[in-house]
Amino acid sequence: MIMRKFNPDVFINPDKYTEKISVDKIITDMKVYRQGVERYKDMLKQRKDLGTIIVLKHPREDIFAVVDGHHRFIAQQEFGIKEVDCAVLGDFSSFIFHMTKDGWFQPSPEITQYFRVPILQFQEDLKKFLEEFIKNPEIFKKN
């Protein structure tokens, strides 16, 4: 198993490596939490940016497998977007590529539903609270 290139910085700074890739060249595992896909489609309707998807390039073919952003990718694809913002993690052996494509590294929909979604909701609620607190700290003081 030969790994040709690997750029771990794409996980920290994906926007730094963003390039447009045709949805026809991207494959993904379809075991997703359906409500998550619909949530992202609603965000697209509101013209919100979904962020950069992290992909892995096949070592010999011009195709990419989604590493991070399965729900966002499927939402964009279903929404009719033809090219998506991607950051290429690397150019790996075909074995690792196919494991990624087949979803070996993707959590199950149940993990997404019962673990990731509540954490993301908590992060969103905390962000709103802090923004409100910064605007008006007096309303949170005890009497």
N, C-alpha and C. Protein backbone atom coordinates (compact mmCIF):
# COMPACT_ATOMS: atom_id res chain seq x y z
N MET A 1 0.86 -1.17 0.00
CA MET A 1 0.00 0.00 0.00
C MET A 1 0.91 1.24 0.00
N ILE A 2 0.86 1.99 -1.06
CA ILE A 2 1.69 3.19 -1.19
C ILE A 2 0.81 4.42 -1.08
N MET A 3 1.18 5.29 -0.16
CA MET A 3 0.49 6.58 -0.04
C MET A 3 1.36 7.60 -0.76
N ARG A 4 0.82 8.25 -1.73
CA ARG A 4 1.62 9.18 -2.53
C ARG A 4 1.74 10.56 -1.90
N LYS A 5 0.61 11.17 -1.59
CA LYS A 5 0.61 12.51 -0.99
C LYS A 5 -0.41 12.52 0.13
N PHE A 6 -0.15 13.36 1.12
CA PHE A 6 -1.10 13.51 2.22
C PHE A 6 -0.92 14.91 2.78
N ASN A 7 -2.03 15.66 2.87
CA ASN A 7 -1.98 17.02 3.37
C ASN A 7 -2.95 17.16 4.54
N PRO A 8 -2.51 16.89 5.77
CA PRO A 8 -3.42 16.96 6.92
C PRO A 8 -3.93 18.37 7.20
N ASP A 9 -3.28 19.40 6.66
CA ASP A 9 -3.70 20.78 6.90
C ASP A 9 -5.09 21.04 6.31
N VAL A 10 -5.55 20.20 5.38
CA VAL A 10 -6.89 20.44 4.81
C VAL A 10 -7.98 20.28 5.87
N PHE A 11 -7.73 19.51 6.94
CA PHE A 11 -8.72 19.38 8.01
C PHE A 11 -8.78 20.65 8.86
N ILE A 12 -7.67 21.35 8.98
CA ILE A 12 -7.61 22.56 9.80
C ILE A 12 -7.98 23.80 8.98
N ASN A 13 -7.48 23.87 7.76
CA ASN A 13 -7.70 25.03 6.89
C ASN A 13 -8.24 24.61 5.52
N PRO A 14 -9.40 23.99 5.45
CA PRO A 14 -9.88 23.51 4.15
C PRO A 14 -10.06 24.61 3.11
N ASP A 15 -10.46 25.80 3.56
CA ASP A 15 -10.69 26.88 2.60
C ASP A 15 -9.41 27.32 1.88
N LYS A 16 -8.29 27.07 2.50
CA LYS A 16 -7.00 27.42 1.91
C LYS A 16 -6.71 26.56 0.66
N TYR A 17 -7.34 25.39 0.58
CA TYR A 17 -7.07 24.44 -0.50
C TYR A 17 -8.28 24.21 -1.40
N THR A 18 -9.26 25.08 -1.32
CA THR A 18 -10.52 24.88 -2.03
C THR A 18 -10.35 24.96 -3.54
N GLU A 19 -10.96 24.00 -4.19
CA GLU A 19 -11.06 24.00 -5.64
C GLU A 19 -12.43 23.47 -6.03
N LYS A 20 -12.93 23.91 -7.15
CA LYS A 20 -14.22 23.44 -7.64
C LYS A 20 -14.02 22.09 -8.33
N ILE A 21 -14.85 21.11 -7.93
CA ILE A 21 -14.80 19.79 -8.56
C ILE A 21 -16.22 19.43 -8.99
N SER A 22 -16.34 18.91 -10.19
CA SER A 22 -17.65 18.51 -10.72
C SER A 22 -18.23 17.38 -9.88
N VAL A 23 -19.54 17.47 -9.59
CA VAL A 23 -20.20 16.43 -8.81
C VAL A 23 -20.13 15.08 -9.53
N ASP A 24 -19.96 15.10 -10.85
CA ASP A 24 -19.86 13.86 -11.62
C ASP A 24 -18.57 13.10 -11.32
N LYS A 25 -17.59 13.79 -10.75
CA LYS A 25 -16.31 13.15 -10.44
C LYS A 25 -16.20 12.75 -8.97
N ILE A 26 -17.27 12.99 -8.21
CA ILE A 26 -17.22 12.72 -6.77
C ILE A 26 -18.17 11.57 -6.44
N ILE A 27 -17.66 10.64 -5.63
CA ILE A 27 -18.49 9.53 -5.17
C ILE A 27 -18.53 9.57 -3.65
N THR A 28 -19.63 9.05 -3.09
CA THR A 28 -19.77 9.06 -1.64
C THR A 28 -20.58 7.86 -1.21
N ASP A 29 -20.37 7.47 0.01
CA ASP A 29 -21.19 6.44 0.63
C ASP A 29 -22.54 7.07 0.93
N MET A 30 -23.61 6.35 0.68
CA MET A 30 -24.95 6.93 0.82
C MET A 30 -25.60 6.66 2.18
N LYS A 31 -24.88 6.08 3.13
CA LYS A 31 -25.50 5.85 4.44
C LYS A 31 -25.43 7.14 5.24
N VAL A 32 -26.43 7.95 5.05
CA VAL A 32 -26.47 9.26 5.69
C VAL A 32 -27.74 9.39 6.52
N TYR A 33 -27.70 10.33 7.43
CA TYR A 33 -28.85 10.71 8.24
C TYR A 33 -29.69 11.65 7.39
N ARG A 34 -30.82 11.19 6.91
CA ARG A 34 -31.61 11.91 5.91
C ARG A 34 -32.00 13.32 6.37
N GLN A 35 -32.33 13.48 7.66
CA GLN A 35 -32.70 14.80 8.15
C GLN A 35 -31.53 15.78 8.04
N GLY A 36 -30.31 15.25 8.16
CA GLY A 36 -29.13 16.10 8.00
C GLY A 36 -29.01 16.63 6.58
N VAL A 37 -29.27 15.78 5.61
CA VAL A 37 -29.23 16.20 4.20
C VAL A 37 -30.29 17.28 3.97
N GLU A 38 -31.49 17.05 4.49
CA GLU A 38 -32.56 18.03 4.30
C GLU A 38 -32.24 19.36 4.97
N ARG A 39 -31.59 19.30 6.14
CA ARG A 39 -31.18 20.53 6.82
C ARG A 39 -30.22 21.34 5.95
N TYR A 40 -29.28 20.65 5.32
CA TYR A 40 -28.33 21.35 4.44
C TYR A 40 -29.02 21.87 3.19
N LYS A 41 -29.99 21.15 2.67
CA LYS A 41 -30.73 21.65 1.51
C LYS A 41 -31.50 22.92 1.88
N ASP A 42 -32.05 22.96 3.10
CA ASP A 42 -32.71 24.19 3.56
C ASP A 42 -31.72 25.34 3.64
N MET A 43 -30.51 25.05 4.08
CA MET A 43 -29.48 26.10 4.14
C MET A 43 -29.15 26.60 2.73
N LEU A 44 -29.11 25.69 1.77
CA LEU A 44 -28.85 26.10 0.39
C LEU A 44 -29.97 26.99 -0.14
N LYS A 45 -31.20 26.68 0.22
CA LYS A 45 -32.34 27.52 -0.18
C LYS A 45 -32.19 28.94 0.37
N GLN A 46 -31.56 29.05 1.55
CA GLN A 46 -31.33 30.34 2.17
C GLN A 46 -30.01 30.98 1.69
N ARG A 47 -29.40 30.36 0.70
CA ARG A 47 -28.14 30.83 0.10
C ARG A 47 -26.98 30.86 1.10
N LYS A 48 -26.98 29.93 2.03
CA LYS A 48 -25.88 29.84 3.00
C LYS A 48 -24.77 28.96 2.45
N ASP A 49 -23.56 29.31 2.81
CA ASP A 49 -22.39 28.53 2.39
C ASP A 49 -22.28 27.30 3.29
N LEU A 50 -22.10 26.14 2.69
CA LEU A 50 -21.99 24.90 3.46
C LEU A 50 -20.56 24.55 3.81
N GLY A 51 -19.63 25.29 3.30
CA GLY A 51 -18.23 25.01 3.61
C GLY A 51 -17.61 24.02 2.63
N THR A 52 -16.34 23.84 2.79
CA THR A 52 -15.56 23.01 1.90
C THR A 52 -15.66 21.54 2.28
N ILE A 53 -15.84 20.70 1.28
CA ILE A 53 -15.89 19.25 1.47
C ILE A 53 -14.48 18.70 1.29
N ILE A 54 -14.10 17.76 2.13
CA ILE A 54 -12.77 17.16 2.03
C ILE A 54 -12.90 15.85 1.26
N VAL A 55 -12.08 15.71 0.23
CA VAL A 55 -12.13 14.53 -0.63
C VAL A 55 -10.74 13.90 -0.75
N LEU A 56 -10.78 12.67 -1.22
CA LEU A 56 -9.58 11.87 -1.45
C LEU A 56 -9.55 11.53 -2.93
N LYS A 57 -8.42 11.75 -3.59
CA LYS A 57 -8.32 11.46 -5.02
C LYS A 57 -7.89 10.02 -5.25
N HIS A 58 -8.49 9.41 -6.25
CA HIS A 58 -8.06 8.07 -6.66
C HIS A 58 -6.66 8.20 -7.24
N PRO A 59 -5.77 7.24 -6.99
CA PRO A 59 -4.38 7.38 -7.44
C PRO A 59 -4.20 7.34 -8.97
N ARG A 60 -5.12 6.72 -9.70
CA ARG A 60 -4.93 6.61 -11.15
C ARG A 60 -6.08 7.20 -11.96
N GLU A 61 -7.23 7.35 -11.35
CA GLU A 61 -8.40 7.85 -12.08
C GLU A 61 -8.75 9.26 -11.61
N ASP A 62 -9.47 9.98 -12.44
CA ASP A 62 -9.87 11.35 -12.12
C ASP A 62 -11.21 11.35 -11.38
N ILE A 63 -11.24 10.66 -10.21
CA ILE A 63 -12.42 10.62 -9.37
C ILE A 63 -12.00 10.86 -7.93
N PHE A 64 -12.97 11.29 -7.13
CA PHE A 64 -12.71 11.66 -5.75
C PHE A 64 -13.75 11.01 -4.85
N ALA A 65 -13.34 10.62 -3.65
CA ALA A 65 -14.27 10.07 -2.66
C ALA A 65 -14.36 11.05 -1.49
N VAL A 66 -15.57 11.25 -0.99
CA VAL A 66 -15.79 12.16 0.12
C VAL A 66 -15.24 11.55 1.41
N VAL A 67 -14.40 12.32 2.11
CA VAL A 67 -13.88 11.93 3.42
C VAL A 67 -14.70 12.62 4.51
N ASP A 68 -14.93 13.91 4.34
CA ASP A 68 -15.71 14.69 5.31
C ASP A 68 -16.65 15.60 4.54
N GLY A 69 -17.95 15.46 4.82
CA GLY A 69 -18.94 16.30 4.15
C GLY A 69 -19.95 15.51 3.34
N HIS A 70 -20.18 14.24 3.71
CA HIS A 70 -21.12 13.40 2.97
C HIS A 70 -22.50 14.06 2.88
N HIS A 71 -23.03 14.53 3.99
CA HIS A 71 -24.36 15.13 4.02
C HIS A 71 -24.40 16.40 3.17
N ARG A 72 -23.36 17.22 3.32
CA ARG A 72 -23.30 18.47 2.55
C ARG A 72 -23.20 18.18 1.06
N PHE A 73 -22.39 17.18 0.69
CA PHE A 73 -22.23 16.85 -0.72
C PHE A 73 -23.55 16.35 -1.31
N ILE A 74 -24.22 15.42 -0.62
CA ILE A 74 -25.47 14.88 -1.14
C ILE A 74 -26.52 15.99 -1.25
N ALA A 75 -26.57 16.89 -0.27
CA ALA A 75 -27.51 18.01 -0.33
C ALA A 75 -27.24 18.88 -1.56
N GLN A 76 -25.98 19.18 -1.83
CA GLN A 76 -25.64 20.01 -2.99
C GLN A 76 -25.97 19.28 -4.29
N GLN A 77 -25.67 18.00 -4.33
CA GLN A 77 -25.96 17.21 -5.51
C GLN A 77 -27.47 17.17 -5.77
N GLU A 78 -28.27 16.91 -4.74
CA GLU A 78 -29.72 16.87 -4.89
C GLU A 78 -30.29 18.25 -5.21
N PHE A 79 -29.63 19.28 -4.77
CA PHE A 79 -30.06 20.65 -5.02
C PHE A 79 -29.79 21.07 -6.46
N GLY A 80 -28.97 20.28 -7.16
CA GLY A 80 -28.68 20.56 -8.57
C GLY A 80 -27.40 21.32 -8.81
N ILE A 81 -26.58 21.46 -7.80
CA ILE A 81 -25.29 22.15 -7.96
C ILE A 81 -24.36 21.24 -8.76
N LYS A 82 -23.69 21.80 -9.74
CA LYS A 82 -22.85 21.02 -10.65
C LYS A 82 -21.39 20.91 -10.22
N GLU A 83 -20.90 21.90 -9.47
CA GLU A 83 -19.52 21.88 -8.95
C GLU A 83 -19.56 22.28 -7.49
N VAL A 84 -18.78 21.58 -6.68
CA VAL A 84 -18.75 21.88 -5.25
C VAL A 84 -17.33 22.24 -4.82
N ASP A 85 -17.25 23.03 -3.75
CA ASP A 85 -15.95 23.41 -3.19
C ASP A 85 -15.37 22.22 -2.44
N CYS A 86 -14.19 21.81 -2.85
CA CYS A 86 -13.53 20.66 -2.23
C CYS A 86 -12.07 20.99 -1.91
N ALA A 87 -11.56 20.33 -0.88
CA ALA A 87 -10.14 20.36 -0.57
C ALA A 87 -9.66 18.91 -0.68
N VAL A 88 -8.61 18.71 -1.46
CA VAL A 88 -8.12 17.35 -1.70
C VAL A 88 -7.12 16.98 -0.61
N LEU A 89 -7.48 15.96 0.15
CA LEU A 89 -6.65 15.47 1.25
C LEU A 89 -5.37 14.84 0.73
N GLY A 90 -5.48 14.11 -0.35
CA GLY A 90 -4.29 13.47 -0.90
C GLY A 90 -4.64 12.53 -2.04
N ASP A 91 -3.62 11.80 -2.43
CA ASP A 91 -3.67 10.86 -3.54
C ASP A 91 -3.20 9.53 -2.96
N PHE A 92 -4.13 8.67 -2.60
CA PHE A 92 -3.80 7.47 -1.84
C PHE A 92 -3.85 6.22 -2.69
N SER A 93 -3.49 5.12 -2.06
CA SER A 93 -3.60 3.83 -2.73
C SER A 93 -5.07 3.57 -3.04
N SER A 94 -5.33 2.73 -4.04
CA SER A 94 -6.71 2.45 -4.39
C SER A 94 -7.43 1.71 -3.26
N PHE A 95 -6.72 0.98 -2.42
CA PHE A 95 -7.33 0.28 -1.29
C PHE A 95 -7.96 1.28 -0.33
N ILE A 96 -7.21 2.31 0.07
CA ILE A 96 -7.73 3.34 0.98
C ILE A 96 -8.84 4.12 0.29
N PHE A 97 -8.67 4.41 -0.99
CA PHE A 97 -9.71 5.12 -1.74
C PHE A 97 -11.02 4.35 -1.68
N HIS A 98 -10.99 3.06 -1.96
CA HIS A 98 -12.22 2.26 -1.98
C HIS A 98 -12.81 2.08 -0.58
N MET A 99 -11.98 2.01 0.44
CA MET A 99 -12.51 1.96 1.81
C MET A 99 -13.25 3.26 2.12
N THR A 100 -12.70 4.38 1.68
CA THR A 100 -13.36 5.68 1.88
C THR A 100 -14.67 5.73 1.11
N LYS A 101 -14.63 5.34 -0.15
CA LYS A 101 -15.82 5.35 -1.01
C LYS A 101 -16.93 4.48 -0.42
N ASP A 102 -16.57 3.36 0.14
CA ASP A 102 -17.55 2.42 0.67
C ASP A 102 -17.99 2.73 2.10
N GLY A 103 -17.51 3.83 2.65
CA GLY A 103 -18.01 4.30 3.93
C GLY A 103 -17.40 3.67 5.17
N TRP A 104 -16.23 3.06 5.06
CA TRP A 104 -15.60 2.44 6.23
C TRP A 104 -15.24 3.46 7.29
N PHE A 105 -15.00 4.69 6.89
CA PHE A 105 -14.58 5.73 7.84
C PHE A 105 -15.72 6.67 8.22
N GLN A 106 -16.91 6.44 7.67
CA GLN A 106 -18.06 7.31 7.93
C GLN A 106 -18.90 6.71 9.06
N PRO A 107 -19.33 7.55 10.00
CA PRO A 107 -20.19 7.03 11.07
C PRO A 107 -21.55 6.60 10.54
N SER A 108 -22.19 5.74 11.29
CA SER A 108 -23.52 5.28 10.90
C SER A 108 -24.53 6.42 11.06
N PRO A 109 -25.67 6.33 10.38
CA PRO A 109 -26.70 7.35 10.57
C PRO A 109 -27.15 7.48 12.02
N GLU A 110 -27.13 6.37 12.76
CA GLU A 110 -27.53 6.43 14.17
C GLU A 110 -26.55 7.26 15.00
N ILE A 111 -25.25 7.11 14.73
CA ILE A 111 -24.26 7.92 15.45
C ILE A 111 -24.46 9.39 15.10
N THR A 112 -24.73 9.66 13.83
CA THR A 112 -24.98 11.05 13.43
C THR A 112 -26.22 11.59 14.15
N GLN A 113 -27.31 10.81 14.15
CA GLN A 113 -28.57 11.27 14.73
C GLN A 113 -28.48 11.48 16.24
N TYR A 114 -27.88 10.52 16.95
CA TYR A 114 -27.93 10.56 18.42
C TYR A 114 -26.70 11.15 19.09
N PHE A 115 -25.65 11.38 18.31
CA PHE A 115 -24.42 11.92 18.91
C PHE A 115 -24.01 13.22 18.24
N ARG A 116 -23.80 13.20 16.94
CA ARG A 116 -23.29 14.38 16.25
C ARG A 116 -24.31 15.52 16.20
N VAL A 117 -25.57 15.20 15.90
CA VAL A 117 -26.60 16.24 15.79
C VAL A 117 -26.77 16.98 17.12
N PRO A 118 -26.91 16.26 18.26
CA PRO A 118 -27.03 17.00 19.52
C PRO A 118 -25.80 17.87 19.83
N ILE A 119 -24.62 17.39 19.50
CA ILE A 119 -23.41 18.19 19.73
C ILE A 119 -23.42 19.44 18.86
N LEU A 120 -23.79 19.29 17.60
CA LEU A 120 -23.87 20.45 16.71
C LEU A 120 -24.92 21.44 17.19
N GLN A 121 -26.05 20.93 17.68
CA GLN A 121 -27.09 21.81 18.21
C GLN A 121 -26.60 22.56 19.44
N PHE A 122 -25.89 21.86 20.31
CA PHE A 122 -25.32 22.50 21.49
C PHE A 122 -24.34 23.60 21.09
N GLN A 123 -23.49 23.32 20.11
CA GLN A 123 -22.54 24.33 19.65
C GLN A 123 -23.27 25.55 19.10
N GLU A 124 -24.33 25.32 18.34
CA GLU A 124 -25.11 26.43 17.77
C GLU A 124 -25.79 27.24 18.87
N ASP A 125 -26.37 26.56 19.86
CA ASP A 125 -27.02 27.25 20.98
C ASP A 125 -26.01 28.06 21.79
N LEU A 126 -24.84 27.49 22.03
CA LEU A 126 -23.79 28.18 22.77
C LEU A 126 -23.31 29.42 22.01
N LYS A 127 -23.16 29.28 20.71
CA LYS A 127 -22.74 30.41 19.87
C LYS A 127 -23.77 31.55 19.97
N LYS A 128 -25.07 31.22 19.88
CA LYS A 128 -26.12 32.23 19.98
C LYS A 128 -26.10 32.90 21.36
N PHE A 129 -25.93 32.10 22.39
CA PHE A 129 -25.88 32.64 23.74
C PHE A 129 -24.72 33.63 23.88
N LEU A 130 -23.55 33.23 23.42
CA LEU A 130 -22.37 34.09 23.54
C LEU A 130 -22.52 35.37 22.73
N GLU A 131 -23.10 35.26 21.54
CA GLU A 131 -23.34 36.47 20.74
C GLU A 131 -24.29 37.42 21.46
N GLU A 132 -25.33 36.87 22.07
CA GLU A 132 -26.29 37.69 22.82
C GLU A 132 -25.62 38.30 24.05
N PHE A 133 -24.81 37.52 24.72
CA PHE A 133 -24.11 37.99 25.91
C PHE A 133 -23.16 39.13 25.57
N ILE A 134 -22.45 39.01 24.46
CA ILE A 134 -21.52 40.06 24.04
C ILE A 134 -22.28 41.35 23.72
N LYS A 135 -23.44 41.22 23.09
CA LYS A 135 -24.25 42.40 22.75
C LYS A 135 -24.79 43.09 23.99
N ASN A 136 -25.22 42.30 24.97
CA ASN A 136 -25.89 42.89 26.12
C ASN A 136 -25.61 42.05 27.38
N PRO A 137 -24.43 42.19 27.98
CA PRO A 137 -24.09 41.38 29.16
C PRO A 137 -24.94 41.68 30.39
N GLU A 138 -25.55 42.85 30.43
CA GLU A 138 -26.33 43.24 31.59
C GLU A 138 -27.56 42.34 31.81
N ILE A 139 -28.14 41.85 30.75
CA ILE A 139 -29.37 41.05 30.92
C ILE A 139 -29.10 39.69 31.57
N PHE A 140 -27.85 39.30 31.66
CA PHE A 140 -27.51 38.01 32.24
C PHE A 140 -27.01 38.12 33.68
N LYS A 141 -26.93 39.33 34.20
CA LYS A 141 -26.47 39.51 35.58
C LYS A 141 -27.59 39.17 36.55
N LYS A 142 -27.20 38.62 37.69
CA LYS A 142 -28.18 38.30 38.72
C LYS A 142 -28.62 39.59 39.42
N ASN A 143 -29.86 39.61 39.88
CA ASN A 143 -30.40 40.77 40.60
C ASN A 143 -29.97 40.77 42.04
